[in-house]
C-alpha cells in the first residue's frame, strides 16, 4: 500500500495537533541547541586569535570558560529536547494505539476469525512502536541535523562565499548520491518483504 507524502503529513499533523504547545517548546529547544553548536566554534576561533597576539591571560580564561558554559548549555538543551521529543512521541502513539484498539474492537467477528491475537497485537503495538521511534528520531536527528547544516552553511557563506559554495556543492552531491542509492535499494528491500 503506497501512501503519498501529503497523507503522511496529514497523519503527522493530526497526531501532533493536540500537543502543539510541546511541539513549540521542542522547536525553541532545538533552535537554541543548534545556536549553541554554532556559537562554540566562534569562541574557539576567538581563543585561537587571542593566542596569536600577546593577549592577557584573563581574556584567554574568559574565552575558555565561555566555551565550557556554551558546551554545557548545548548538552542540557539537547537532553531536554530529547526528553520533550520522546514525550511528544509517546503521547501521540498512545493516542494512536487507543484509536486502533477501538477500531479493532468494532470490527466484525469474521475479521477476528481470520487474524490471530498475536497478529493484532503486533499491528497495534509493534507497528505503532516503530512509528513512535521514527517520530522521536525524525524530530531530533533528521530535522535537527538539517537545521544545523543550514546554520553551518549560513556561517560559511558569511566567512567566505567560496567556502560556502564548495560546502553547498558537497551537500548537494551527497544528497543526490543518497537519493539514487535509496531509489535502488528500496524497491529491492520492498520486493524481499513481499
N, C-alpha and C. Protein backbone atom coordinates (compact mmCIF):
# COMPACT_ATOMS: atom_id res chain seq x y z
N UNK A 1 0.84 -1.18 0.00
CA UNK A 1 0.00 0.00 0.00
C UNK A 1 0.88 1.24 0.00
N UNK A 2 0.73 2.07 -1.01
CA UNK A 2 1.53 3.29 -1.11
C UNK A 2 0.75 4.46 -0.53
N UNK A 3 1.47 5.26 0.25
CA UNK A 3 0.87 6.44 0.87
C UNK A 3 1.66 7.65 0.39
N UNK A 4 0.95 8.70 0.00
CA UNK A 4 1.62 9.89 -0.51
C UNK A 4 2.20 10.71 0.65
N UNK A 5 3.11 11.63 0.31
CA UNK A 5 3.69 12.50 1.33
C UNK A 5 2.63 13.38 1.97
N UNK A 6 1.63 13.78 1.19
CA UNK A 6 0.55 14.61 1.75
C UNK A 6 -0.22 13.84 2.82
N UNK A 7 -0.44 12.53 2.59
CA UNK A 7 -1.13 11.72 3.59
C UNK A 7 -0.27 11.54 4.84
N UNK A 8 1.04 11.32 4.64
CA UNK A 8 1.94 11.23 5.79
C UNK A 8 1.90 12.52 6.60
N UNK A 9 1.93 13.66 5.89
CA UNK A 9 1.92 14.95 6.57
C UNK A 9 0.62 15.15 7.34
N UNK A 10 -0.50 14.78 6.74
CA UNK A 10 -1.79 14.97 7.42
C UNK A 10 -1.89 14.08 8.66
N UNK A 11 -1.36 12.86 8.58
CA UNK A 11 -1.34 11.97 9.75
C UNK A 11 -0.47 12.57 10.85
N UNK A 12 0.70 13.08 10.46
CA UNK A 12 1.61 13.68 11.43
C UNK A 12 0.98 14.89 12.10
N UNK A 13 0.34 15.75 11.30
CA UNK A 13 -0.30 16.94 11.86
C UNK A 13 -1.44 16.54 12.79
N UNK A 14 -2.21 15.53 12.39
CA UNK A 14 -3.33 15.07 13.22
C UNK A 14 -2.84 14.54 14.57
N UNK A 15 -1.72 13.82 14.55
CA UNK A 15 -1.20 13.25 15.79
C UNK A 15 -0.53 14.30 16.69
N UNK A 16 0.07 15.31 16.07
CA UNK A 16 0.80 16.32 16.87
C UNK A 16 -0.06 17.51 17.27
N UNK A 17 -1.21 17.69 16.62
CA UNK A 17 -2.06 18.86 16.88
C UNK A 17 -2.44 19.02 18.36
N UNK A 18 -2.83 17.94 19.06
CA UNK A 18 -3.21 18.13 20.46
C UNK A 18 -2.04 18.56 21.37
N UNK A 19 -0.83 18.43 20.87
CA UNK A 19 0.35 18.76 21.68
C UNK A 19 1.12 19.94 21.10
N UNK A 20 0.42 20.85 20.45
CA UNK A 20 1.13 21.92 19.76
C UNK A 20 1.99 22.75 20.71
N UNK A 21 1.58 22.90 21.97
CA UNK A 21 2.41 23.64 22.93
C UNK A 21 3.76 22.98 23.13
N UNK A 22 3.75 21.64 23.33
CA UNK A 22 5.01 20.91 23.49
C UNK A 22 5.84 20.94 22.21
N UNK A 23 5.18 20.90 21.07
CA UNK A 23 5.90 20.95 19.80
C UNK A 23 6.60 22.30 19.64
N UNK A 24 5.94 23.38 20.06
CA UNK A 24 6.56 24.70 20.00
C UNK A 24 7.75 24.77 20.95
N UNK A 25 7.60 24.22 22.16
CA UNK A 25 8.72 24.17 23.12
C UNK A 25 9.88 23.38 22.52
N UNK A 26 9.56 22.26 21.88
CA UNK A 26 10.59 21.44 21.25
C UNK A 26 11.31 22.22 20.16
N UNK A 27 10.57 22.97 19.36
CA UNK A 27 11.19 23.79 18.32
C UNK A 27 12.14 24.83 18.91
N UNK A 28 11.71 25.49 19.98
CA UNK A 28 12.56 26.50 20.64
C UNK A 28 13.82 25.85 21.19
N UNK A 29 13.67 24.69 21.83
CA UNK A 29 14.83 23.97 22.37
C UNK A 29 15.81 23.57 21.26
N UNK A 30 15.26 23.11 20.14
CA UNK A 30 16.13 22.70 19.04
C UNK A 30 16.89 23.89 18.46
N UNK A 31 16.19 25.01 18.25
CA UNK A 31 16.87 26.20 17.71
C UNK A 31 17.94 26.71 18.68
N UNK A 32 17.64 26.69 19.98
CA UNK A 32 18.62 27.14 20.97
C UNK A 32 19.83 26.21 21.00
N UNK A 33 19.58 24.91 20.92
CA UNK A 33 20.68 23.93 20.92
C UNK A 33 21.56 24.09 19.69
N UNK A 34 20.94 24.29 18.53
CA UNK A 34 21.70 24.49 17.30
C UNK A 34 22.48 25.80 17.37
N UNK A 35 21.87 26.83 17.93
CA UNK A 35 22.57 28.10 18.12
C UNK A 35 23.82 27.93 18.97
N UNK A 36 23.70 27.15 20.05
CA UNK A 36 24.87 26.89 20.91
C UNK A 36 25.95 26.13 20.13
N UNK A 37 25.53 25.18 19.30
CA UNK A 37 26.50 24.45 18.48
C UNK A 37 27.23 25.36 17.51
N UNK A 38 26.53 26.35 17.00
CA UNK A 38 27.14 27.25 16.02
C UNK A 38 28.01 28.32 16.69
N UNK A 39 27.73 28.64 17.94
CA UNK A 39 28.50 29.67 18.64
C UNK A 39 29.85 29.12 19.11
N UNK A 40 29.89 27.88 19.54
CA UNK A 40 31.13 27.34 20.11
C UNK A 40 32.33 27.39 19.17
N UNK A 41 32.20 27.07 17.89
CA UNK A 41 33.38 27.22 17.01
C UNK A 41 33.86 28.67 16.92
N UNK A 42 32.93 29.62 17.03
CA UNK A 42 33.34 31.03 17.01
C UNK A 42 34.15 31.37 18.26
N UNK A 43 33.79 30.79 19.38
CA UNK A 43 34.55 31.01 20.62
C UNK A 43 35.95 30.41 20.48
N UNK A 44 36.03 29.22 19.88
CA UNK A 44 37.35 28.60 19.67
C UNK A 44 38.20 29.48 18.75
N UNK A 45 37.59 30.00 17.70
CA UNK A 45 38.32 30.88 16.79
C UNK A 45 38.83 32.11 17.54
N UNK A 46 37.96 32.69 18.36
CA UNK A 46 38.36 33.85 19.16
C UNK A 46 39.53 33.49 20.09
N UNK A 47 39.45 32.31 20.71
CA UNK A 47 40.51 31.86 21.61
C UNK A 47 41.83 31.72 20.85
N UNK A 48 41.78 31.09 19.67
CA UNK A 48 43.00 30.91 18.86
C UNK A 48 43.55 32.26 18.42
N UNK A 49 42.66 33.17 18.02
CA UNK A 49 43.11 34.52 17.65
C UNK A 49 43.81 35.21 18.82
N UNK A 50 43.28 35.02 20.02
CA UNK A 50 43.89 35.63 21.21
C UNK A 50 45.28 35.05 21.48
N UNK A 51 45.45 33.76 21.20
CA UNK A 51 46.77 33.15 21.45
C UNK A 51 47.82 33.64 20.45
N UNK A 52 47.38 34.14 19.29
CA UNK A 52 48.32 34.63 18.28
C UNK A 52 48.85 36.02 18.61
N UNK A 53 48.16 36.72 19.49
CA UNK A 53 48.59 38.05 19.91
C UNK A 53 48.95 37.99 21.39
N UNK A 54 49.73 38.90 21.84
CA UNK A 54 50.03 38.87 23.29
C UNK A 54 48.83 39.34 24.12
N UNK A 55 47.83 38.45 24.25
CA UNK A 55 46.61 38.78 24.99
C UNK A 55 46.80 38.44 26.46
N UNK A 56 46.16 39.18 27.33
CA UNK A 56 46.25 38.85 28.75
C UNK A 56 45.62 37.49 29.04
N UNK A 57 46.12 36.83 30.05
CA UNK A 57 45.63 35.50 30.43
C UNK A 57 44.15 35.56 30.80
N UNK A 58 43.71 36.67 31.33
CA UNK A 58 42.31 36.82 31.71
C UNK A 58 41.37 36.66 30.53
N UNK A 59 41.76 37.21 29.38
CA UNK A 59 40.91 37.08 28.19
C UNK A 59 40.86 35.63 27.70
N UNK A 60 42.01 34.96 27.78
CA UNK A 60 42.04 33.54 27.39
C UNK A 60 41.16 32.72 28.33
N UNK A 61 41.22 33.04 29.61
CA UNK A 61 40.41 32.32 30.59
C UNK A 61 38.93 32.57 30.34
N UNK A 62 38.57 33.81 30.04
CA UNK A 62 37.16 34.13 29.75
C UNK A 62 36.66 33.35 28.53
N UNK A 63 37.48 33.28 27.49
CA UNK A 63 37.09 32.53 26.29
C UNK A 63 36.92 31.05 26.61
N UNK A 64 37.84 30.49 27.41
CA UNK A 64 37.75 29.07 27.77
C UNK A 64 36.51 28.79 28.61
N UNK A 65 36.23 29.67 29.57
CA UNK A 65 35.04 29.49 30.41
C UNK A 65 33.77 29.64 29.57
N UNK A 66 33.76 30.59 28.65
CA UNK A 66 32.59 30.76 27.76
C UNK A 66 32.37 29.50 26.93
N UNK A 67 33.46 28.91 26.42
CA UNK A 67 33.34 27.68 25.64
C UNK A 67 32.72 26.56 26.48
N UNK A 68 33.21 26.39 27.70
CA UNK A 68 32.70 25.32 28.58
C UNK A 68 31.23 25.56 28.91
N UNK A 69 30.87 26.81 29.22
CA UNK A 69 29.48 27.11 29.57
C UNK A 69 28.54 26.88 28.39
N UNK A 70 28.97 27.29 27.19
CA UNK A 70 28.13 27.07 26.00
C UNK A 70 28.01 25.58 25.71
N UNK A 71 29.10 24.82 25.89
CA UNK A 71 29.05 23.37 25.68
C UNK A 71 28.08 22.71 26.67
N UNK A 72 28.13 23.14 27.92
CA UNK A 72 27.20 22.59 28.93
C UNK A 72 25.76 22.98 28.61
N UNK A 73 25.56 24.21 28.18
CA UNK A 73 24.23 24.66 27.78
C UNK A 73 23.70 23.83 26.62
N UNK A 74 24.57 23.58 25.64
CA UNK A 74 24.17 22.77 24.49
C UNK A 74 23.75 21.37 24.92
N UNK A 75 24.55 20.74 25.77
CA UNK A 75 24.22 19.38 26.22
C UNK A 75 22.91 19.36 27.01
N UNK A 76 22.71 20.38 27.85
CA UNK A 76 21.46 20.46 28.62
C UNK A 76 20.27 20.64 27.69
N UNK A 77 20.39 21.57 26.74
CA UNK A 77 19.29 21.79 25.80
C UNK A 77 19.00 20.54 24.97
N UNK A 78 20.03 19.85 24.55
CA UNK A 78 19.84 18.64 23.75
C UNK A 78 19.16 17.54 24.56
N UNK A 79 19.54 17.42 25.82
CA UNK A 79 18.92 16.41 26.69
C UNK A 79 17.44 16.72 26.92
N UNK A 80 17.15 17.98 27.22
CA UNK A 80 15.75 18.37 27.43
C UNK A 80 14.95 18.21 26.14
N UNK A 81 15.54 18.57 25.00
CA UNK A 81 14.85 18.42 23.72
C UNK A 81 14.55 16.94 23.43
N UNK A 82 15.49 16.06 23.74
CA UNK A 82 15.27 14.63 23.55
C UNK A 82 14.13 14.15 24.44
N UNK A 83 14.10 14.61 25.69
CA UNK A 83 13.03 14.24 26.61
C UNK A 83 11.67 14.71 26.08
N UNK A 84 11.60 15.96 25.65
CA UNK A 84 10.34 16.51 25.13
C UNK A 84 9.93 15.76 23.86
N UNK A 85 10.89 15.46 23.00
CA UNK A 85 10.59 14.72 21.78
C UNK A 85 10.02 13.34 22.10
N UNK A 86 10.62 12.64 23.06
CA UNK A 86 10.11 11.33 23.46
C UNK A 86 8.71 11.44 24.06
N UNK A 87 8.48 12.50 24.84
CA UNK A 87 7.16 12.71 25.44
C UNK A 87 6.11 12.93 24.36
N UNK A 88 6.43 13.78 23.39
CA UNK A 88 5.51 14.03 22.27
C UNK A 88 5.25 12.73 21.51
N UNK A 89 6.31 11.99 21.26
CA UNK A 89 6.19 10.75 20.50
C UNK A 89 5.31 9.73 21.24
N UNK A 90 5.58 9.52 22.52
CA UNK A 90 4.81 8.53 23.28
C UNK A 90 3.36 8.94 23.46
N UNK A 91 3.13 10.22 23.69
CA UNK A 91 1.74 10.68 23.83
C UNK A 91 0.98 10.48 22.53
N UNK A 92 1.61 10.81 21.41
CA UNK A 92 0.96 10.64 20.10
C UNK A 92 0.69 9.17 19.80
N UNK A 93 1.68 8.34 20.05
CA UNK A 93 1.50 6.92 19.72
C UNK A 93 0.50 6.25 20.67
N UNK A 94 0.44 6.69 21.92
CA UNK A 94 -0.56 6.12 22.83
C UNK A 94 -1.97 6.49 22.37
N UNK A 95 -2.15 7.71 21.87
CA UNK A 95 -3.45 8.09 21.31
C UNK A 95 -3.78 7.22 20.09
N UNK A 96 -2.75 6.98 19.26
CA UNK A 96 -2.97 6.16 18.07
C UNK A 96 -3.29 4.72 18.46
N UNK A 97 -2.60 4.17 19.47
CA UNK A 97 -2.89 2.81 19.94
C UNK A 97 -4.35 2.70 20.41
N UNK A 98 -4.76 3.69 21.18
CA UNK A 98 -6.13 3.70 21.70
C UNK A 98 -7.14 3.74 20.55
N UNK A 99 -6.85 4.55 19.56
CA UNK A 99 -7.73 4.66 18.39
C UNK A 99 -7.78 3.33 17.62
N UNK A 100 -6.62 2.68 17.46
CA UNK A 100 -6.58 1.40 16.75
C UNK A 100 -7.31 0.30 17.51
N UNK A 101 -7.16 0.29 18.84
CA UNK A 101 -7.85 -0.73 19.64
C UNK A 101 -9.36 -0.55 19.51
N UNK A 102 -9.84 0.69 19.60
CA UNK A 102 -11.28 0.94 19.44
C UNK A 102 -11.75 0.48 18.05
N UNK A 103 -10.93 0.75 17.04
CA UNK A 103 -11.28 0.32 15.69
C UNK A 103 -11.35 -1.21 15.60
N UNK A 104 -10.34 -1.88 16.16
CA UNK A 104 -10.30 -3.35 16.10
C UNK A 104 -11.48 -3.97 16.85
N UNK A 105 -11.85 -3.37 17.98
CA UNK A 105 -12.98 -3.91 18.74
C UNK A 105 -14.30 -3.73 17.99
N UNK A 106 -14.35 -2.78 17.09
CA UNK A 106 -15.57 -2.54 16.32
C UNK A 106 -15.68 -3.40 15.06
N UNK A 107 -14.61 -4.14 14.73
CA UNK A 107 -14.65 -4.98 13.52
C UNK A 107 -15.52 -6.21 13.74
N UNK A 108 -16.05 -6.76 12.65
CA UNK A 108 -16.93 -7.91 12.79
C UNK A 108 -16.14 -9.18 13.14
N UNK A 109 -16.87 -10.21 13.53
CA UNK A 109 -16.26 -11.43 14.03
C UNK A 109 -15.46 -12.17 12.96
N UNK A 110 -15.86 -12.06 11.69
CA UNK A 110 -15.13 -12.77 10.63
C UNK A 110 -13.70 -12.25 10.51
N UNK A 111 -13.50 -10.96 10.74
CA UNK A 111 -12.15 -10.39 10.71
C UNK A 111 -11.29 -11.02 11.81
N UNK A 112 -11.88 -11.13 13.01
CA UNK A 112 -11.13 -11.69 14.14
C UNK A 112 -10.88 -13.19 13.95
N UNK A 113 -11.74 -13.88 13.23
CA UNK A 113 -11.51 -15.29 12.93
C UNK A 113 -10.35 -15.47 11.96
N UNK A 114 -10.16 -14.49 11.06
CA UNK A 114 -9.10 -14.59 10.05
C UNK A 114 -7.73 -14.15 10.56
N UNK A 115 -7.69 -13.41 11.66
CA UNK A 115 -6.43 -12.88 12.17
C UNK A 115 -6.22 -13.32 13.62
N UNK A 116 -5.00 -13.78 13.91
CA UNK A 116 -4.69 -14.26 15.26
C UNK A 116 -4.53 -13.09 16.23
N UNK A 117 -4.70 -13.35 17.52
CA UNK A 117 -4.49 -12.28 18.51
C UNK A 117 -3.06 -11.72 18.46
N UNK A 118 -2.09 -12.59 18.22
CA UNK A 118 -0.70 -12.14 18.13
C UNK A 118 -0.49 -11.18 16.96
N UNK A 119 -1.13 -11.48 15.86
CA UNK A 119 -1.04 -10.60 14.69
C UNK A 119 -1.66 -9.23 14.99
N UNK A 120 -2.78 -9.25 15.70
CA UNK A 120 -3.43 -7.99 16.07
C UNK A 120 -2.56 -7.18 17.03
N UNK A 121 -1.97 -7.87 17.99
CA UNK A 121 -1.10 -7.17 18.95
C UNK A 121 0.10 -6.58 18.23
N UNK A 122 0.67 -7.34 17.31
CA UNK A 122 1.81 -6.83 16.54
C UNK A 122 1.43 -5.60 15.74
N UNK A 123 0.26 -5.61 15.14
CA UNK A 123 -0.19 -4.45 14.36
C UNK A 123 -0.41 -3.24 15.26
N UNK A 124 -1.09 -3.46 16.36
CA UNK A 124 -1.43 -2.33 17.23
C UNK A 124 -0.20 -1.83 17.98
N UNK A 125 0.55 -2.75 18.57
CA UNK A 125 1.66 -2.32 19.42
C UNK A 125 2.98 -2.21 18.67
N UNK A 126 3.32 -3.24 17.89
CA UNK A 126 4.61 -3.25 17.22
C UNK A 126 4.75 -2.16 16.17
N UNK A 127 3.77 -2.05 15.31
CA UNK A 127 3.84 -1.04 14.25
C UNK A 127 3.76 0.38 14.82
N UNK A 128 2.93 0.56 15.84
CA UNK A 128 2.82 1.88 16.46
C UNK A 128 4.11 2.22 17.19
N UNK A 129 4.74 1.23 17.80
CA UNK A 129 6.05 1.44 18.45
C UNK A 129 7.09 1.91 17.43
N UNK A 130 7.11 1.24 16.29
CA UNK A 130 8.03 1.64 15.22
C UNK A 130 7.76 3.07 14.77
N UNK A 131 6.48 3.43 14.68
CA UNK A 131 6.11 4.79 14.30
C UNK A 131 6.57 5.79 15.35
N UNK A 132 6.41 5.43 16.63
CA UNK A 132 6.86 6.31 17.71
C UNK A 132 8.36 6.53 17.69
N UNK A 133 9.11 5.46 17.47
CA UNK A 133 10.56 5.58 17.37
C UNK A 133 10.94 6.47 16.20
N UNK A 134 10.25 6.30 15.08
CA UNK A 134 10.52 7.14 13.91
C UNK A 134 10.25 8.60 14.23
N UNK A 135 9.10 8.88 14.86
CA UNK A 135 8.73 10.26 15.17
C UNK A 135 9.78 10.93 16.05
N UNK A 136 10.18 10.24 17.13
CA UNK A 136 11.13 10.87 18.06
C UNK A 136 12.49 11.05 17.40
N UNK A 137 12.92 10.08 16.62
CA UNK A 137 14.22 10.21 15.96
C UNK A 137 14.16 11.20 14.81
N UNK A 138 13.04 11.24 14.10
CA UNK A 138 12.91 12.18 12.99
C UNK A 138 13.02 13.61 13.48
N UNK A 139 12.30 13.90 14.54
CA UNK A 139 12.28 15.28 15.03
C UNK A 139 13.65 15.71 15.50
N UNK A 140 14.31 14.87 16.30
CA UNK A 140 15.59 15.28 16.88
C UNK A 140 16.73 15.12 15.89
N UNK A 141 16.85 13.96 15.27
CA UNK A 141 18.03 13.69 14.46
C UNK A 141 17.94 14.30 13.07
N UNK A 142 16.93 13.96 12.33
CA UNK A 142 16.88 14.41 10.94
C UNK A 142 16.61 15.91 10.86
N UNK A 143 15.54 16.34 11.50
CA UNK A 143 15.19 17.76 11.44
C UNK A 143 16.28 18.61 12.09
N UNK A 144 16.79 18.16 13.23
CA UNK A 144 17.86 18.90 13.90
C UNK A 144 19.12 19.01 13.06
N UNK A 145 19.49 17.90 12.40
CA UNK A 145 20.69 17.93 11.57
C UNK A 145 20.51 18.79 10.32
N UNK A 146 19.30 18.79 9.76
CA UNK A 146 19.05 19.66 8.60
C UNK A 146 19.18 21.12 9.02
N UNK A 147 18.60 21.48 10.17
CA UNK A 147 18.71 22.86 10.65
C UNK A 147 20.16 23.23 10.96
N UNK A 148 20.91 22.29 11.56
CA UNK A 148 22.32 22.54 11.85
C UNK A 148 23.11 22.74 10.56
N UNK A 149 22.83 21.91 9.55
CA UNK A 149 23.53 22.04 8.27
C UNK A 149 23.25 23.40 7.63
N UNK A 150 21.99 23.84 7.69
CA UNK A 150 21.66 25.15 7.15
C UNK A 150 22.38 26.26 7.91
N UNK A 151 22.45 26.13 9.23
CA UNK A 151 23.17 27.11 10.04
C UNK A 151 24.65 27.17 9.69
N UNK A 152 25.26 25.98 9.51
CA UNK A 152 26.68 25.93 9.14
C UNK A 152 26.89 26.58 7.78
N UNK A 153 25.98 26.29 6.83
CA UNK A 153 26.11 26.91 5.50
C UNK A 153 26.02 28.42 5.58
N UNK A 154 25.09 28.93 6.37
CA UNK A 154 24.96 30.39 6.51
C UNK A 154 26.24 30.97 7.09
N UNK A 155 26.81 30.31 8.10
CA UNK A 155 28.03 30.82 8.71
C UNK A 155 29.21 30.74 7.74
N UNK A 156 29.28 29.67 6.95
CA UNK A 156 30.36 29.55 5.98
C UNK A 156 30.25 30.60 4.88
N UNK A 157 29.03 30.85 4.42
CA UNK A 157 28.85 31.92 3.43
C UNK A 157 29.20 33.27 4.04
N UNK A 158 28.94 33.45 5.33
CA UNK A 158 29.30 34.69 6.00
C UNK A 158 30.81 34.88 6.09
N UNK A 159 31.55 33.78 6.23
CA UNK A 159 33.02 33.85 6.31
C UNK A 159 33.63 34.08 4.93
N UNK A 160 33.22 33.25 3.97
CA UNK A 160 33.78 33.34 2.62
C UNK A 160 32.82 32.64 1.66
N UNK A 161 32.37 33.34 0.65
CA UNK A 161 31.38 32.77 -0.25
C UNK A 161 31.91 31.55 -0.99
N UNK A 162 33.23 31.48 -1.23
CA UNK A 162 33.79 30.33 -1.95
C UNK A 162 33.73 29.08 -1.08
N UNK A 163 34.03 29.22 0.20
CA UNK A 163 33.95 28.07 1.11
C UNK A 163 32.51 27.60 1.23
N UNK A 164 31.59 28.56 1.38
CA UNK A 164 30.17 28.21 1.46
C UNK A 164 29.68 27.52 0.20
N UNK A 165 30.13 28.02 -0.96
CA UNK A 165 29.73 27.41 -2.23
C UNK A 165 30.28 25.99 -2.36
N UNK A 166 31.53 25.79 -1.95
CA UNK A 166 32.12 24.45 -2.01
C UNK A 166 31.36 23.48 -1.11
N UNK A 167 31.03 23.93 0.10
CA UNK A 167 30.30 23.07 1.03
C UNK A 167 28.89 22.78 0.50
N UNK A 168 28.25 23.77 -0.09
CA UNK A 168 26.92 23.57 -0.68
C UNK A 168 27.00 22.54 -1.80
N UNK A 169 28.05 22.61 -2.62
CA UNK A 169 28.23 21.62 -3.68
C UNK A 169 28.40 20.21 -3.13
N UNK A 170 29.18 20.07 -2.07
CA UNK A 170 29.38 18.76 -1.44
C UNK A 170 28.05 18.23 -0.90
N UNK A 171 27.28 19.10 -0.25
CA UNK A 171 26.00 18.68 0.32
C UNK A 171 25.04 18.24 -0.79
N UNK A 172 24.96 19.03 -1.86
CA UNK A 172 24.07 18.67 -2.97
C UNK A 172 24.49 17.35 -3.62
N UNK A 173 25.81 17.14 -3.79
CA UNK A 173 26.31 15.88 -4.34
C UNK A 173 25.96 14.71 -3.43
N UNK A 174 26.16 14.88 -2.13
CA UNK A 174 25.85 13.81 -1.17
C UNK A 174 24.35 13.49 -1.19
N UNK A 175 23.51 14.51 -1.23
CA UNK A 175 22.06 14.29 -1.27
C UNK A 175 21.65 13.57 -2.55
N UNK A 176 22.27 13.93 -3.67
CA UNK A 176 21.97 13.28 -4.95
C UNK A 176 22.36 11.80 -4.90
N UNK A 177 23.55 11.51 -4.39
CA UNK A 177 24.01 10.12 -4.29
C UNK A 177 23.10 9.32 -3.37
N UNK A 178 22.74 9.90 -2.22
CA UNK A 178 21.86 9.19 -1.29
C UNK A 178 20.49 8.93 -1.89
N UNK A 179 19.96 9.88 -2.64
CA UNK A 179 18.67 9.69 -3.30
C UNK A 179 18.75 8.58 -4.33
N UNK A 180 19.83 8.55 -5.12
CA UNK A 180 20.00 7.48 -6.11
C UNK A 180 20.10 6.12 -5.43
N UNK A 181 20.89 6.05 -4.35
CA UNK A 181 21.02 4.79 -3.63
C UNK A 181 19.69 4.34 -3.03
N UNK A 182 18.93 5.30 -2.50
CA UNK A 182 17.62 4.96 -1.95
C UNK A 182 16.70 4.42 -3.03
N UNK A 183 16.72 5.05 -4.21
CA UNK A 183 15.87 4.60 -5.31
C UNK A 183 16.25 3.20 -5.80
N UNK A 184 17.50 2.83 -5.62
CA UNK A 184 17.94 1.48 -6.00
C UNK A 184 17.60 0.48 -4.90
N UNK A 185 17.86 0.85 -3.65
CA UNK A 185 17.74 -0.09 -2.53
C UNK A 185 16.30 -0.36 -2.10
N UNK A 186 15.48 0.66 -2.05
CA UNK A 186 14.12 0.50 -1.51
C UNK A 186 13.28 -0.50 -2.31
N UNK A 187 13.27 -0.44 -3.65
CA UNK A 187 12.47 -1.44 -4.38
C UNK A 187 12.94 -2.89 -4.12
N UNK A 188 14.26 -3.09 -3.99
CA UNK A 188 14.76 -4.44 -3.71
C UNK A 188 14.34 -4.90 -2.31
N UNK A 189 14.44 -3.97 -1.35
CA UNK A 189 14.06 -4.30 0.02
C UNK A 189 12.56 -4.60 0.11
N UNK A 190 11.75 -3.77 -0.57
CA UNK A 190 10.30 -3.97 -0.56
C UNK A 190 9.95 -5.29 -1.26
N UNK A 191 10.69 -5.65 -2.31
CA UNK A 191 10.45 -6.91 -3.01
C UNK A 191 10.74 -8.12 -2.15
N UNK A 192 11.76 -8.03 -1.29
CA UNK A 192 12.08 -9.15 -0.41
C UNK A 192 11.07 -9.31 0.70
N UNK A 193 10.46 -8.20 1.13
CA UNK A 193 9.46 -8.28 2.19
C UNK A 193 8.18 -8.92 1.66
N UNK A 194 7.81 -8.55 0.42
CA UNK A 194 6.58 -9.11 -0.17
C UNK A 194 6.82 -10.56 -0.50
